[in-house]
Amino acid sequence: MNERILVWGLGNEFKKNKIFIEEQYEVIGYVDSKIQKTQIIDGKYFYSVEDIKKSNYEKILICSMKWKD
């Protein structure tokens, strides 16, 4: 069984690696500052930073080149 993850960032890094990520992990949702948390992509919800604590994940995969910002 694949690890349950949240993906942080849906920019170019995610787009380039989306197929690999989805083969290796069970993506349960996304976190991205530019997208409203009410949106759904591929049947998965967006989480605000505050809501991350409430979700059932094992890891957060950071797919952003702006992680220092």
Protein backbone atom coordinates (compact mmCIF):
# COMPACT_ATOMS: atom_id res chain seq x y z
CA MET A 1 0.00 0.00 0.00
CA ASN A 2 1.34 3.40 -0.96
CA GLU A 3 1.95 6.13 1.60
CA ARG A 4 -0.84 8.68 1.98
CA ILE A 5 0.48 12.14 1.14
CA LEU A 6 -0.52 15.74 0.71
CA VAL A 7 1.15 17.57 -2.18
CA TRP A 8 2.26 21.11 -1.38
CA GLY A 9 2.47 23.17 -4.57
CA LEU A 10 0.89 22.52 -7.97
CA GLY A 11 3.26 24.49 -10.15
CA ASN A 12 5.74 23.31 -12.74
CA GLU A 13 7.55 20.85 -10.47
CA PHE A 14 4.31 19.03 -9.72
CA LYS A 15 3.22 19.06 -13.36
CA LYS A 16 6.56 17.59 -14.50
CA ASN A 17 6.35 14.78 -11.92
CA LYS A 18 2.60 14.19 -11.56
CA ILE A 19 2.51 10.71 -13.12
CA PHE A 20 5.47 9.50 -11.06
CA ILE A 21 4.00 10.94 -7.85
CA GLU A 22 0.63 9.30 -8.43
CA GLU A 23 2.29 5.94 -9.15
CA GLN A 24 4.41 6.06 -5.98
CA TYR A 25 1.96 7.59 -3.49
CA GLU A 26 -1.69 7.81 -2.63
CA VAL A 27 -2.35 11.53 -3.01
CA ILE A 28 -5.16 12.46 -0.62
CA GLY A 29 -5.15 16.20 -1.23
CA TYR A 30 -3.28 19.36 -2.10
CA VAL A 31 -2.01 22.52 -0.45
CA ASP A 32 -1.29 25.56 -2.62
CA SER A 33 -1.41 29.22 -1.67
CA LYS A 34 -2.72 30.31 -5.10
CA ILE A 35 -5.76 28.05 -5.15
CA GLN A 36 -8.91 28.33 -3.08
CA LYS A 37 -9.36 25.42 -0.72
CA THR A 38 -12.90 24.85 -1.97
CA GLN A 39 -11.57 23.66 -5.32
CA ILE A 40 -11.27 20.00 -6.24
CA ILE A 41 -8.77 18.58 -8.74
CA ASP A 42 -8.80 14.91 -9.78
CA GLY A 43 -11.39 14.27 -7.07
CA LYS A 44 -9.04 15.51 -4.32
CA TYR A 45 -9.59 18.48 -2.04
CA PHE A 46 -7.37 21.41 -1.16
CA TYR A 47 -6.35 21.95 2.43
CA SER A 48 -5.47 25.22 4.09
CA VAL A 49 -2.39 25.25 6.28
CA GLU A 50 -4.70 25.20 9.31
CA ASP A 51 -6.61 22.17 7.99
CA ILE A 52 -3.51 20.05 7.45
CA LYS A 53 -3.58 18.98 11.10
CA LYS A 54 -7.06 17.52 10.60
CA SER A 55 -6.21 15.39 7.57
CA ASN A 56 -5.08 11.77 7.65
CA TYR A 57 -1.72 11.77 5.85
CA GLU A 58 1.68 10.21 6.39
CA LYS A 59 3.88 12.74 4.59
CA ILE A 60 3.79 16.07 2.82
CA LEU A 61 5.54 16.16 -0.55
CA ILE A 62 6.80 19.66 -1.33
CA CYS A 63 6.68 20.36 -5.06
CA SER A 64 7.67 23.99 -5.03
CA MET A 65 10.85 25.75 -5.98
CA LYS A 66 9.76 28.63 -3.72
CA TRP A 67 9.91 26.68 -0.47
CA LYS A 68 12.12 29.36 1.13
CA ASP A 69 9.47 32.08 0.61
